[in-house]
């Protein structure tokens, strides 16, 4: 793949992560409705409750009590917080690894935001701005000031060292904004379009 094709691939990946989050969030919203229990699978022979399975690589089945775990969605605050934390961490770690595979393309500030957020998540959910990170930050600023999508202004500065990343520096909606901004930026790069909005006349 050439540079433009790589940019398109990562753009599509970032967009797909956003779609997946919306889909899972919608599913959890439905699961919290009392009517969701009517969607339980039938009780199978040898079982006394509705069950569902998760398959292993060898096609072995890990069986669980469907209604019991569906009811856990009623604990909305704890359940949703854990879901969002796990999803955000996985999404940013995965996207950061993909960007690393392409040397973060042109090191645009929103791409560099992912670099530092991803590293912070990998180090106990705390920013670690040691000498290599500070050197990189001096060469490549990390912010979303010029991003195509953003509501909350995010900027990596040396004083963030040791502070919490997820749910302190950045929240679920802000992650979605960042992913959408990166998708648009890399899509425009793949098309050879202007990477930033044209300034007003």
N, C-alpha and C. Protein backbone atom coordinates (compact mmCIF):
# COMPACT_ATOMS: atom_id res chain seq x y z
N UNK A 1 0.84 -1.21 0.00
CA UNK A 1 0.00 0.00 0.00
C UNK A 1 0.87 1.25 0.00
N UNK A 2 0.43 2.29 -0.70
CA UNK A 2 1.16 3.54 -0.64
C UNK A 2 0.62 4.39 0.50
N UNK A 3 1.23 5.55 0.66
CA UNK A 3 0.90 6.44 1.78
C UNK A 3 -0.58 6.80 1.80
N UNK A 4 -1.15 7.09 0.64
CA UNK A 4 -2.54 7.50 0.56
C UNK A 4 -3.48 6.35 0.91
N UNK A 5 -3.15 5.16 0.44
CA UNK A 5 -3.98 4.00 0.78
C UNK A 5 -3.92 3.68 2.27
N UNK A 6 -2.73 3.83 2.86
CA UNK A 6 -2.60 3.62 4.30
C UNK A 6 -3.45 4.61 5.08
N UNK A 7 -3.44 5.86 4.65
CA UNK A 7 -4.24 6.88 5.32
C UNK A 7 -5.72 6.54 5.24
N UNK A 8 -6.17 6.07 4.09
CA UNK A 8 -7.57 5.69 3.93
C UNK A 8 -7.93 4.52 4.84
N UNK A 9 -7.06 3.54 4.92
CA UNK A 9 -7.31 2.36 5.76
C UNK A 9 -7.47 2.76 7.22
N UNK A 10 -6.60 3.61 7.73
CA UNK A 10 -6.67 4.02 9.14
C UNK A 10 -7.87 4.95 9.35
N UNK A 11 -8.18 5.78 8.36
CA UNK A 11 -9.37 6.63 8.43
C UNK A 11 -10.62 5.77 8.60
N UNK A 12 -10.72 4.73 7.80
CA UNK A 12 -11.88 3.84 7.87
C UNK A 12 -11.92 3.10 9.20
N UNK A 13 -10.77 2.74 9.72
CA UNK A 13 -10.70 2.06 11.02
C UNK A 13 -11.21 2.98 12.13
N UNK A 14 -10.78 4.23 12.13
CA UNK A 14 -11.24 5.18 13.15
C UNK A 14 -12.74 5.38 13.07
N UNK A 15 -13.27 5.50 11.86
CA UNK A 15 -14.71 5.67 11.67
C UNK A 15 -15.47 4.43 12.14
N UNK A 16 -14.92 3.25 11.86
CA UNK A 16 -15.58 2.01 12.26
C UNK A 16 -15.63 1.87 13.79
N UNK A 17 -14.60 2.32 14.48
CA UNK A 17 -14.58 2.26 15.95
C UNK A 17 -15.73 3.10 16.51
N UNK A 18 -15.96 4.28 15.93
CA UNK A 18 -17.08 5.12 16.37
C UNK A 18 -18.40 4.41 16.14
N UNK A 19 -18.58 3.81 14.96
CA UNK A 19 -19.81 3.08 14.66
C UNK A 19 -20.02 1.94 15.67
N UNK A 20 -18.95 1.24 15.99
CA UNK A 20 -19.05 0.12 16.94
C UNK A 20 -19.48 0.61 18.32
N UNK A 21 -18.94 1.76 18.73
CA UNK A 21 -19.32 2.29 20.04
C UNK A 21 -20.81 2.63 20.07
N UNK A 22 -21.28 3.32 19.05
CA UNK A 22 -22.70 3.67 19.00
C UNK A 22 -23.57 2.41 19.02
N UNK A 23 -23.16 1.39 18.28
CA UNK A 23 -23.93 0.15 18.22
C UNK A 23 -23.98 -0.53 19.59
N UNK A 24 -22.84 -0.62 20.26
CA UNK A 24 -22.80 -1.26 21.58
C UNK A 24 -23.55 -0.43 22.62
N UNK A 25 -23.42 0.89 22.51
CA UNK A 25 -24.13 1.76 23.46
C UNK A 25 -25.64 1.60 23.28
N UNK A 26 -26.08 1.50 22.04
CA UNK A 26 -27.51 1.29 21.77
C UNK A 26 -27.97 -0.05 22.34
N UNK A 27 -27.13 -1.08 22.18
CA UNK A 27 -27.49 -2.40 22.69
C UNK A 27 -27.61 -2.38 24.21
N UNK A 28 -26.71 -1.68 24.88
CA UNK A 28 -26.78 -1.60 26.34
C UNK A 28 -28.02 -0.82 26.77
N UNK A 29 -28.37 0.22 26.03
CA UNK A 29 -29.58 0.99 26.33
C UNK A 29 -30.81 0.10 26.25
N UNK A 30 -30.89 -0.74 25.21
CA UNK A 30 -32.01 -1.67 25.07
C UNK A 30 -31.99 -2.69 26.21
N UNK A 31 -30.78 -3.15 26.59
CA UNK A 31 -30.67 -4.17 27.63
C UNK A 31 -31.18 -3.68 28.98
N UNK A 32 -31.18 -2.38 29.21
CA UNK A 32 -31.64 -1.85 30.50
C UNK A 32 -33.17 -1.74 30.57
N UNK A 33 -33.85 -1.96 29.45
CA UNK A 33 -35.30 -1.91 29.43
C UNK A 33 -35.85 -3.24 29.95
N UNK A 34 -36.81 -3.21 30.87
CA UNK A 34 -37.36 -4.47 31.41
C UNK A 34 -37.89 -5.41 30.33
N UNK A 35 -38.32 -4.86 29.20
CA UNK A 35 -38.85 -5.70 28.13
C UNK A 35 -37.77 -6.55 27.47
N UNK A 36 -36.50 -6.23 27.73
CA UNK A 36 -35.42 -6.98 27.09
C UNK A 36 -35.43 -8.45 27.49
N UNK A 37 -35.93 -8.76 28.68
CA UNK A 37 -35.97 -10.15 29.14
C UNK A 37 -36.81 -11.03 28.22
N UNK A 38 -37.76 -10.43 27.49
CA UNK A 38 -38.61 -11.23 26.59
C UNK A 38 -37.82 -11.71 25.37
N UNK A 39 -36.62 -11.17 25.18
CA UNK A 39 -35.78 -11.57 24.04
C UNK A 39 -34.84 -12.71 24.38
N UNK A 40 -34.96 -13.25 25.59
CA UNK A 40 -34.08 -14.34 26.01
C UNK A 40 -34.26 -15.55 25.10
N UNK A 41 -33.17 -16.27 24.85
CA UNK A 41 -33.29 -17.49 24.03
C UNK A 41 -34.10 -18.55 24.78
N UNK A 42 -34.62 -19.54 24.08
CA UNK A 42 -35.38 -20.60 24.75
C UNK A 42 -34.49 -21.44 25.66
N UNK A 43 -35.09 -22.05 26.66
CA UNK A 43 -34.34 -22.93 27.56
C UNK A 43 -34.03 -24.23 26.81
N UNK A 44 -32.77 -24.55 26.72
CA UNK A 44 -32.34 -25.72 25.96
C UNK A 44 -32.43 -26.99 26.80
N UNK A 45 -32.53 -28.15 26.16
CA UNK A 45 -32.54 -29.42 26.91
C UNK A 45 -31.32 -29.52 27.82
N UNK A 46 -31.56 -29.94 29.04
CA UNK A 46 -30.47 -30.07 30.00
C UNK A 46 -30.20 -28.81 30.80
N UNK A 47 -30.87 -27.70 30.45
CA UNK A 47 -30.71 -26.44 31.17
C UNK A 47 -32.00 -26.12 31.91
N UNK A 48 -31.89 -25.31 32.96
CA UNK A 48 -33.09 -24.90 33.71
C UNK A 48 -33.37 -23.41 33.52
N UNK A 49 -32.45 -22.70 32.87
CA UNK A 49 -32.61 -21.27 32.60
C UNK A 49 -32.18 -21.00 31.17
N UNK A 50 -32.58 -19.85 30.61
CA UNK A 50 -32.07 -19.48 29.28
C UNK A 50 -30.56 -19.26 29.34
N UNK A 51 -29.85 -19.80 28.39
CA UNK A 51 -28.39 -19.64 28.36
C UNK A 51 -27.95 -19.13 27.00
N UNK A 52 -26.74 -18.63 26.98
CA UNK A 52 -26.11 -18.23 25.73
C UNK A 52 -24.66 -18.67 25.81
N UNK A 53 -23.95 -18.65 24.68
CA UNK A 53 -22.59 -19.16 24.68
C UNK A 53 -21.62 -18.19 24.01
N UNK A 54 -20.37 -18.30 24.43
CA UNK A 54 -19.25 -17.62 23.79
C UNK A 54 -18.30 -18.72 23.34
N UNK A 55 -17.90 -18.70 22.09
CA UNK A 55 -17.06 -19.78 21.56
C UNK A 55 -15.57 -19.46 21.66
N UNK A 56 -14.79 -20.50 21.95
CA UNK A 56 -13.34 -20.39 21.93
C UNK A 56 -12.81 -20.67 20.54
N UNK A 57 -11.51 -20.55 20.36
CA UNK A 57 -10.91 -20.80 19.05
C UNK A 57 -11.12 -22.23 18.60
N UNK A 58 -11.21 -23.16 19.56
CA UNK A 58 -11.43 -24.56 19.21
C UNK A 58 -12.91 -24.91 19.12
N UNK A 59 -13.76 -23.86 19.12
CA UNK A 59 -15.22 -24.00 19.04
C UNK A 59 -15.84 -24.55 20.32
N UNK A 60 -15.04 -24.67 21.40
CA UNK A 60 -15.62 -25.04 22.69
C UNK A 60 -16.53 -23.90 23.13
N UNK A 61 -17.53 -24.23 23.95
CA UNK A 61 -18.54 -23.25 24.33
C UNK A 61 -18.42 -22.88 25.80
N UNK A 62 -18.39 -21.58 26.05
CA UNK A 62 -18.43 -21.03 27.40
C UNK A 62 -19.87 -20.55 27.60
N UNK A 63 -20.61 -21.22 28.46
CA UNK A 63 -22.04 -20.98 28.62
C UNK A 63 -22.31 -20.09 29.82
N UNK A 64 -23.25 -19.16 29.66
CA UNK A 64 -23.62 -18.29 30.78
C UNK A 64 -25.14 -18.14 30.87
N UNK A 65 -25.59 -17.75 32.06
CA UNK A 65 -27.01 -17.56 32.39
C UNK A 65 -27.45 -16.23 31.77
N UNK A 66 -28.23 -16.31 30.70
CA UNK A 66 -28.57 -15.12 29.92
C UNK A 66 -29.28 -14.06 30.75
N UNK A 67 -30.31 -14.42 31.48
CA UNK A 67 -31.09 -13.43 32.21
C UNK A 67 -30.32 -12.83 33.38
N UNK A 68 -29.46 -13.62 34.01
CA UNK A 68 -28.66 -13.11 35.12
C UNK A 68 -27.76 -11.97 34.64
N UNK A 69 -27.06 -12.21 33.53
CA UNK A 69 -26.12 -11.19 33.05
C UNK A 69 -26.82 -10.04 32.33
N UNK A 70 -27.97 -10.31 31.77
CA UNK A 70 -28.77 -9.22 31.21
C UNK A 70 -29.19 -8.27 32.33
N UNK A 71 -29.56 -8.83 33.49
CA UNK A 71 -30.00 -8.00 34.61
C UNK A 71 -28.88 -7.12 35.14
N UNK A 72 -27.62 -7.50 34.91
CA UNK A 72 -26.51 -6.67 35.38
C UNK A 72 -26.52 -5.30 34.72
N UNK A 73 -27.13 -5.21 33.54
CA UNK A 73 -27.21 -3.92 32.86
C UNK A 73 -28.07 -2.93 33.63
N UNK A 74 -28.88 -3.42 34.59
CA UNK A 74 -29.69 -2.51 35.40
C UNK A 74 -28.84 -1.64 36.31
N UNK A 75 -27.63 -2.12 36.62
CA UNK A 75 -26.71 -1.32 37.44
C UNK A 75 -26.03 -0.32 36.50
N UNK A 76 -26.80 0.61 36.03
CA UNK A 76 -26.37 1.46 34.91
C UNK A 76 -25.06 2.20 35.14
N UNK A 77 -24.94 2.91 36.24
CA UNK A 77 -23.78 3.78 36.41
C UNK A 77 -22.48 2.98 36.41
N UNK A 78 -22.42 1.94 37.23
CA UNK A 78 -21.21 1.13 37.31
C UNK A 78 -20.97 0.37 36.02
N UNK A 79 -22.03 -0.21 35.47
CA UNK A 79 -21.91 -1.01 34.26
C UNK A 79 -21.46 -0.16 33.07
N UNK A 80 -22.14 0.97 32.88
CA UNK A 80 -21.81 1.84 31.75
C UNK A 80 -20.41 2.41 31.90
N UNK A 81 -20.03 2.80 33.12
CA UNK A 81 -18.69 3.35 33.34
C UNK A 81 -17.62 2.31 32.99
N UNK A 82 -17.81 1.07 33.44
CA UNK A 82 -16.84 0.01 33.12
C UNK A 82 -16.79 -0.25 31.63
N UNK A 83 -17.97 -0.28 31.00
CA UNK A 83 -18.02 -0.51 29.56
C UNK A 83 -17.27 0.59 28.81
N UNK A 84 -17.55 1.84 29.17
CA UNK A 84 -16.91 2.95 28.47
C UNK A 84 -15.41 2.96 28.69
N UNK A 85 -14.98 2.67 29.91
CA UNK A 85 -13.55 2.66 30.21
C UNK A 85 -12.85 1.57 29.40
N UNK A 86 -13.44 0.40 29.38
CA UNK A 86 -12.83 -0.71 28.64
C UNK A 86 -12.81 -0.43 27.15
N UNK A 87 -13.93 0.08 26.62
CA UNK A 87 -13.99 0.38 25.19
C UNK A 87 -13.00 1.47 24.81
N UNK A 88 -12.97 2.56 25.61
CA UNK A 88 -12.08 3.68 25.30
C UNK A 88 -10.61 3.24 25.29
N UNK A 89 -10.25 2.47 26.32
CA UNK A 89 -8.87 2.00 26.41
C UNK A 89 -8.52 1.14 25.20
N UNK A 90 -9.37 0.17 24.88
CA UNK A 90 -9.09 -0.71 23.75
C UNK A 90 -9.04 0.03 22.43
N UNK A 91 -9.98 0.96 22.24
CA UNK A 91 -10.03 1.72 20.98
C UNK A 91 -8.77 2.56 20.79
N UNK A 92 -8.35 3.25 21.84
CA UNK A 92 -7.20 4.14 21.72
C UNK A 92 -5.88 3.36 21.65
N UNK A 93 -5.80 2.25 22.36
CA UNK A 93 -4.61 1.41 22.24
C UNK A 93 -4.50 0.85 20.82
N UNK A 94 -5.62 0.35 20.30
CA UNK A 94 -5.60 -0.23 18.95
C UNK A 94 -5.30 0.80 17.88
N UNK A 95 -5.95 1.97 17.97
CA UNK A 95 -5.71 3.01 16.97
C UNK A 95 -4.27 3.53 17.07
N UNK A 96 -3.78 3.68 18.30
CA UNK A 96 -2.40 4.12 18.47
C UNK A 96 -1.41 3.15 17.85
N UNK A 97 -1.67 1.86 18.00
CA UNK A 97 -0.79 0.86 17.39
C UNK A 97 -0.83 0.95 15.87
N UNK A 98 -2.03 1.18 15.31
CA UNK A 98 -2.13 1.32 13.85
C UNK A 98 -1.38 2.56 13.37
N UNK A 99 -1.54 3.66 14.07
CA UNK A 99 -0.84 4.89 13.69
C UNK A 99 0.68 4.71 13.82
N UNK A 100 1.10 4.00 14.86
CA UNK A 100 2.53 3.73 15.05
C UNK A 100 3.09 2.96 13.87
N UNK A 101 2.28 2.05 13.33
CA UNK A 101 2.72 1.27 12.17
C UNK A 101 2.95 2.12 10.94
N UNK A 102 2.43 3.34 10.94
CA UNK A 102 2.63 4.27 9.82
C UNK A 102 3.38 5.51 10.28
N UNK A 103 4.12 5.38 11.39
CA UNK A 103 4.91 6.47 11.95
C UNK A 103 4.08 7.74 12.15
N UNK A 104 2.81 7.57 12.51
CA UNK A 104 1.90 8.68 12.77
C UNK A 104 1.80 9.66 11.59
N UNK A 105 1.96 9.10 10.40
CA UNK A 105 1.82 9.87 9.16
C UNK A 105 2.61 11.18 9.23
N UNK A 106 1.92 12.33 9.21
CA UNK A 106 2.64 13.61 9.21
C UNK A 106 2.74 14.23 10.61
N UNK A 107 2.41 13.46 11.65
CA UNK A 107 2.47 13.92 13.05
C UNK A 107 1.56 15.12 13.30
N UNK A 108 0.42 15.15 12.63
CA UNK A 108 -0.56 16.22 12.89
C UNK A 108 -0.90 16.24 14.38
N UNK A 109 -1.22 17.41 14.95
CA UNK A 109 -1.46 17.51 16.39
C UNK A 109 -2.51 16.55 16.93
N UNK A 110 -3.59 16.29 16.16
CA UNK A 110 -4.59 15.36 16.67
C UNK A 110 -4.09 13.92 16.66
N UNK A 111 -3.21 13.59 15.71
CA UNK A 111 -2.60 12.27 15.71
C UNK A 111 -1.65 12.12 16.89
N UNK A 112 -0.93 13.19 17.20
CA UNK A 112 -0.02 13.16 18.35
C UNK A 112 -0.78 13.09 19.67
N UNK A 113 -2.00 13.63 19.70
CA UNK A 113 -2.84 13.46 20.89
C UNK A 113 -3.03 11.98 21.18
N UNK A 114 -3.32 11.20 20.13
CA UNK A 114 -3.51 9.77 20.32
C UNK A 114 -2.24 9.12 20.84
N UNK A 115 -1.09 9.55 20.34
CA UNK A 115 0.19 8.98 20.80
C UNK A 115 0.32 9.10 22.32
N UNK A 116 0.12 10.29 22.84
CA UNK A 116 0.32 10.51 24.28
C UNK A 116 -0.80 9.88 25.11
N UNK A 117 -2.04 9.94 24.62
CA UNK A 117 -3.16 9.32 25.35
C UNK A 117 -2.96 7.81 25.37
N UNK A 118 -2.59 7.23 24.23
CA UNK A 118 -2.37 5.78 24.16
C UNK A 118 -1.27 5.34 25.13
N UNK A 119 -0.17 6.09 25.17
CA UNK A 119 0.93 5.74 26.08
C UNK A 119 0.50 5.86 27.53
N UNK A 120 -0.29 6.89 27.83
CA UNK A 120 -0.77 7.05 29.20
C UNK A 120 -1.65 5.88 29.63
N UNK A 121 -2.55 5.45 28.75
CA UNK A 121 -3.41 4.31 29.05
C UNK A 121 -2.57 3.05 29.30
N UNK A 122 -1.53 2.87 28.48
CA UNK A 122 -0.68 1.68 28.61
C UNK A 122 0.18 1.72 29.88
N UNK A 123 0.31 2.87 30.50
CA UNK A 123 1.09 3.02 31.73
C UNK A 123 0.19 3.34 32.91
N UNK A 124 -0.82 2.51 33.10
CA UNK A 124 -1.67 2.64 34.28
C UNK A 124 -2.67 3.76 34.22
N UNK A 125 -3.03 4.19 33.00
CA UNK A 125 -3.99 5.27 32.80
C UNK A 125 -3.49 6.59 33.37
N UNK A 126 -2.17 6.79 33.32
CA UNK A 126 -1.58 8.05 33.75
C UNK A 126 -0.56 8.50 32.71
N UNK A 127 -0.59 9.80 32.41
CA UNK A 127 0.39 10.33 31.46
C UNK A 127 1.79 10.11 32.01
N UNK A 128 2.69 9.67 31.14
CA UNK A 128 4.09 9.50 31.50
C UNK A 128 4.92 10.31 30.51
N UNK A 129 5.17 11.56 30.86
CA UNK A 129 5.92 12.45 29.98
C UNK A 129 7.37 12.51 30.45
N UNK A 130 8.06 11.39 30.23
CA UNK A 130 9.49 11.32 30.54
C UNK A 130 10.26 11.97 29.40
N UNK A 131 11.58 11.91 29.46
CA UNK A 131 12.40 12.62 28.49
C UNK A 131 12.04 12.31 27.04
N UNK A 132 11.89 11.03 26.64
CA UNK A 132 11.52 10.80 25.22
C UNK A 132 10.19 11.46 24.85
N UNK A 133 9.21 11.38 25.76
CA UNK A 133 7.91 11.97 25.48
C UNK A 133 7.97 13.48 25.39
N UNK A 134 8.77 14.11 26.27
CA UNK A 134 8.91 15.56 26.24
C UNK A 134 9.64 16.02 24.98
N UNK A 135 10.65 15.25 24.56
CA UNK A 135 11.37 15.57 23.33
C UNK A 135 10.42 15.51 22.14
N UNK A 136 9.61 14.45 22.10
CA UNK A 136 8.64 14.31 21.01
C UNK A 136 7.64 15.45 21.04
N UNK A 137 7.15 15.80 22.24
CA UNK A 137 6.16 16.86 22.37
C UNK A 137 6.72 18.19 21.89
N UNK A 138 8.00 18.45 22.13
CA UNK A 138 8.63 19.68 21.67
C UNK A 138 8.70 19.73 20.14
N UNK A 139 8.88 18.57 19.53
CA UNK A 139 8.97 18.50 18.07
C UNK A 139 7.60 18.45 17.40
N UNK A 140 6.66 17.79 18.08
CA UNK A 140 5.33 17.57 17.50
C UNK A 140 4.26 17.91 18.54
N UNK A 141 3.71 19.12 18.50
CA UNK A 141 2.65 19.49 19.46
C UNK A 141 1.46 18.53 19.36
N UNK A 142 0.78 18.36 20.49
CA UNK A 142 -0.35 17.44 20.56
C UNK A 142 -1.57 18.19 21.08
N UNK A 143 -2.51 18.49 20.18
CA UNK A 143 -3.74 19.20 20.57
C UNK A 143 -4.79 19.00 19.50
N UNK A 144 -5.98 19.50 19.76
CA UNK A 144 -7.06 19.38 18.77
C UNK A 144 -7.59 20.75 18.32
N UNK A 145 -6.78 21.78 18.50
CA UNK A 145 -7.22 23.15 18.17
C UNK A 145 -7.69 23.28 16.73
N UNK A 146 -7.02 22.58 15.81
CA UNK A 146 -7.35 22.71 14.39
C UNK A 146 -8.13 21.51 13.86
N UNK A 147 -8.55 20.62 14.75
CA UNK A 147 -9.22 19.39 14.32
C UNK A 147 -10.57 19.69 13.68
N UNK A 148 -10.97 18.83 12.75
CA UNK A 148 -12.23 19.00 12.05
C UNK A 148 -13.42 18.85 12.98
N UNK A 149 -13.27 18.06 14.03
CA UNK A 149 -14.34 17.84 15.01
C UNK A 149 -13.74 18.01 16.40
N UNK A 150 -14.27 18.92 17.18
CA UNK A 150 -13.91 18.97 18.60
C UNK A 150 -14.81 19.96 19.32
N UNK A 151 -15.14 19.59 20.55
CA UNK A 151 -15.92 20.47 21.42
C UNK A 151 -15.08 20.91 22.61
N UNK A 152 -14.41 19.94 23.26
CA UNK A 152 -13.52 20.24 24.38
C UNK A 152 -12.11 20.43 23.85
N UNK A 153 -11.46 21.53 24.23
CA UNK A 153 -10.07 21.76 23.82
C UNK A 153 -9.15 20.83 24.61
N UNK A 154 -8.38 20.05 23.88
CA UNK A 154 -7.44 19.12 24.49
C UNK A 154 -6.03 19.48 24.05
N UNK A 155 -5.11 19.51 25.00
CA UNK A 155 -3.71 19.82 24.68
C UNK A 155 -2.81 19.11 25.68
N UNK A 156 -1.77 18.46 25.16
CA UNK A 156 -0.80 17.79 26.02
C UNK A 156 0.29 18.79 26.39
N UNK A 157 0.51 18.95 27.67
CA UNK A 157 1.55 19.84 28.20
C UNK A 157 2.36 19.09 29.24
N UNK A 158 3.60 19.50 29.49
CA UNK A 158 4.45 18.77 30.45
C UNK A 158 3.84 18.62 31.84
N UNK A 159 3.02 19.58 32.27
CA UNK A 159 2.46 19.50 33.62
C UNK A 159 1.41 18.39 33.77
N UNK A 160 1.05 17.71 32.67
CA UNK A 160 0.12 16.58 32.77
C UNK A 160 0.80 15.32 33.26
N UNK A 161 2.11 15.31 33.35
CA UNK A 161 2.84 14.11 33.77
C UNK A 161 2.29 13.57 35.09
N UNK A 162 1.92 12.29 35.08
CA UNK A 162 1.42 11.64 36.28
C UNK A 162 -0.07 11.79 36.51
N UNK A 163 -0.76 12.60 35.71
CA UNK A 163 -2.20 12.79 35.91
C UNK A 163 -2.99 11.71 35.16
N UNK A 164 -4.26 11.57 35.52
CA UNK A 164 -5.12 10.53 34.97
C UNK A 164 -5.57 10.87 33.55
N UNK A 165 -5.62 9.86 32.70
CA UNK A 165 -6.01 10.06 31.30
C UNK A 165 -7.52 9.92 31.13
N UNK A 166 -8.02 8.67 31.20
CA UNK A 166 -9.44 8.41 30.94
C UNK A 166 -10.31 8.90 32.09
N UNK A 167 -11.38 9.59 31.75
CA UNK A 167 -12.38 10.12 32.68
C UNK A 167 -11.85 11.30 33.49
N UNK A 168 -10.70 11.81 33.13
CA UNK A 168 -10.18 13.02 33.78
C UNK A 168 -9.73 13.99 32.70
N UNK A 169 -8.75 13.58 31.89
CA UNK A 169 -8.31 14.42 30.77
C UNK A 169 -9.29 14.33 29.60
N UNK A 170 -9.81 13.12 29.37
CA UNK A 170 -10.67 12.90 28.22
C UNK A 170 -11.81 11.94 28.60
N UNK A 171 -13.02 12.25 28.12
CA UNK A 171 -14.19 11.42 28.41
C UNK A 171 -14.68 10.72 27.15
N UNK A 172 -15.72 9.90 27.28
CA UNK A 172 -16.21 9.12 26.13
C UNK A 172 -16.58 9.96 24.91
N UNK A 173 -17.34 11.03 25.11
CA UNK A 173 -17.73 11.87 23.97
C UNK A 173 -16.53 12.53 23.32
N UNK A 174 -15.54 12.89 24.13
CA UNK A 174 -14.33 13.53 23.59
C UNK A 174 -13.52 12.53 22.76
N UNK A 175 -13.51 11.26 23.19
CA UNK A 175 -12.83 10.23 22.41
C UNK A 175 -13.51 10.08 21.05
N UNK A 176 -14.84 10.09 21.04
CA UNK A 176 -15.57 9.98 19.77
C UNK A 176 -15.24 11.17 18.87
N UNK A 177 -15.20 12.37 19.44
CA UNK A 177 -14.82 13.55 18.65
C UNK A 177 -13.44 13.37 18.04
N UNK A 178 -12.49 12.90 18.85
CA UNK A 178 -11.11 12.73 18.38
C UNK A 178 -11.05 11.69 17.27
N UNK A 179 -11.75 10.59 17.44
CA UNK A 179 -11.75 9.55 16.40
C UNK A 179 -12.36 10.07 15.10
N UNK A 180 -13.45 10.81 15.21
CA UNK A 180 -14.07 11.37 14.01
C UNK A 180 -13.14 12.38 13.33
N UNK A 181 -12.48 13.19 14.13
CA UNK A 181 -11.55 14.18 13.57
C UNK A 181 -10.41 13.49 12.83
N UNK A 182 -9.89 12.42 13.41
CA UNK A 182 -8.80 11.69 12.77
C UNK A 182 -9.27 11.01 11.49
N UNK A 183 -10.48 10.45 11.53
CA UNK A 183 -11.02 9.83 10.33
C UNK A 183 -11.13 10.83 9.19
N UNK A 184 -11.65 12.01 9.49
CA UNK A 184 -11.79 13.05 8.46
C UNK A 184 -10.42 13.50 7.96
N UNK A 185 -9.51 13.73 8.89
CA UNK A 185 -8.17 14.23 8.51
C UNK A 185 -7.47 13.23 7.58
N UNK A 186 -7.47 11.96 7.97
CA UNK A 186 -6.77 10.95 7.16
C UNK A 186 -7.50 10.67 5.86
N UNK A 187 -8.83 10.79 5.87
CA UNK A 187 -9.58 10.63 4.62
C UNK A 187 -9.19 11.73 3.63
N UNK A 188 -9.09 12.94 4.12
CA UNK A 188 -8.69 14.05 3.24
C UNK A 188 -7.26 13.85 2.75
N UNK A 189 -6.40 13.34 3.64
CA UNK A 189 -5.03 13.04 3.22
C UNK A 189 -5.02 12.00 2.11
N UNK A 190 -5.86 10.98 2.25
CA UNK A 190 -5.89 9.91 1.25
C UNK A 190 -6.38 10.40 -0.11
N UNK A 191 -7.21 11.46 -0.10
CA UNK A 191 -7.73 12.03 -1.35
C UNK A 191 -6.86 13.15 -1.90
N UNK A 192 -5.87 13.57 -1.14
CA UNK A 192 -5.06 14.70 -1.56
C UNK A 192 -5.78 16.03 -1.40
N UNK A 193 -6.81 16.06 -0.53
CA UNK A 193 -7.57 17.28 -0.28
C UNK A 193 -6.83 18.17 0.73
N UNK A 194 -7.19 19.47 0.79
CA UNK A 194 -6.61 20.33 1.83
C UNK A 194 -6.87 19.72 3.21
N UNK A 195 -5.85 19.69 4.06
CA UNK A 195 -5.96 19.02 5.35
C UNK A 195 -6.65 19.87 6.40
N UNK A 196 -6.72 21.17 6.16
CA UNK A 196 -7.38 22.07 7.10
C UNK A 196 -8.40 22.92 6.34
N UNK A 197 -9.43 23.38 7.06
CA UNK A 197 -10.40 24.25 6.39
C UNK A 197 -9.73 25.49 5.80
N UNK A 198 -10.25 25.93 4.69
CA UNK A 198 -9.73 27.15 4.08
C UNK A 198 -10.05 28.35 4.99
N UNK A 199 -9.09 29.26 5.20
CA UNK A 199 -9.37 30.42 6.03
C UNK A 199 -10.40 31.31 5.35
N UNK A 200 -11.24 31.98 6.16
CA UNK A 200 -12.24 32.87 5.55
C UNK A 200 -11.56 34.00 4.78
N UNK A 201 -12.20 34.49 3.70
CA UNK A 201 -11.58 35.57 2.89
C UNK A 201 -11.52 36.87 3.69
